[in-house]
Amino acid sequence: MPHKTVIEELREAGIEESRIAYLDLDARGNRKITTPDQLDTLIEQSIDLGLVVSRMLV
């Protein structure tokens, strides 16, 4: 059985697409994120800047 992606699990759980944040953790500036606190900061900054858009999954 293939593994589901986090996004598939969220969709199946009934989460609206507009409430799912897509962050590219492979992007050059995000590769050094290694702790939950760093991830929280990235999410907060992305929301503040309006960068949370439907593109790539975390």
Protein backbone atom coordinates (compact mmCIF):
# COMPACT_ATOMS: atom_id res chain seq x y z
CA MET A 1 0.00 0.00 0.00
CA PRO A 2 1.55 3.35 -1.00
CA HIS A 3 2.08 5.97 1.65
CA LYS A 4 -0.30 8.89 1.69
CA THR A 5 1.04 12.39 1.67
CA VAL A 6 0.16 14.72 4.49
CA ILE A 7 -2.00 16.72 2.08
CA GLU A 8 -4.00 13.64 1.12
CA GLU A 9 -4.62 12.87 4.78
CA LEU A 10 -5.73 16.43 5.45
CA ARG A 11 -8.12 16.42 2.49
CA GLU A 12 -9.57 13.07 3.55
CA ALA A 13 -10.06 14.48 7.05
CA GLY A 14 -12.25 17.19 5.54
CA ILE A 15 -9.82 20.09 5.81
CA GLU A 16 -10.66 22.77 3.26
CA GLU A 17 -8.01 23.40 0.62
CA SER A 18 -7.93 27.09 1.56
CA ARG A 19 -6.87 26.17 5.11
CA ILE A 20 -3.86 24.07 4.05
CA ALA A 21 -0.47 25.82 4.06
CA TYR A 22 2.01 24.75 1.42
CA LEU A 23 5.66 25.37 2.29
CA ASP A 24 8.58 24.15 0.20
CA LEU A 25 11.04 22.85 2.78
CA ASP A 26 13.45 21.85 0.01
CA ALA A 27 13.79 25.47 -1.10
CA ARG A 28 17.27 26.84 -0.54
CA GLY A 29 16.27 29.21 2.26
CA ASN A 30 14.27 26.56 4.10
CA ARG A 31 16.72 23.63 4.11
CA LYS A 32 18.15 24.55 7.50
CA ILE A 33 14.82 24.23 9.31
CA THR A 34 15.38 21.42 11.79
CA THR A 35 13.32 22.25 14.87
CA PRO A 36 9.63 22.72 15.55
CA ASP A 37 10.32 26.30 16.66
CA GLN A 38 12.01 27.11 13.35
CA LEU A 39 9.07 25.60 11.46
CA ASP A 40 6.60 27.62 13.55
CA THR A 41 8.53 30.78 12.73
CA LEU A 42 8.48 29.98 9.01
CA ILE A 43 4.74 29.37 9.10
CA GLU A 44 4.08 32.60 11.01
CA GLN A 45 6.28 34.60 8.62
CA SER A 46 4.59 33.05 5.60
CA ILE A 47 1.14 33.90 6.93
CA ASP A 48 2.19 37.46 7.83
CA LEU A 49 3.60 37.98 4.32
CA GLY A 50 0.63 36.36 2.62
CA LEU A 51 2.92 33.69 1.15
CA VAL A 52 0.82 30.72 2.17
CA VAL A 53 -0.55 29.66 -1.20
CA SER A 54 -1.55 26.45 -2.89
CA ARG A 55 1.67 25.29 -4.53
CA MET A 56 3.94 22.74 -2.96
CA LEU A 57 3.46 20.52 0.02
CA VAL A 58 5.64 20.67 3.16
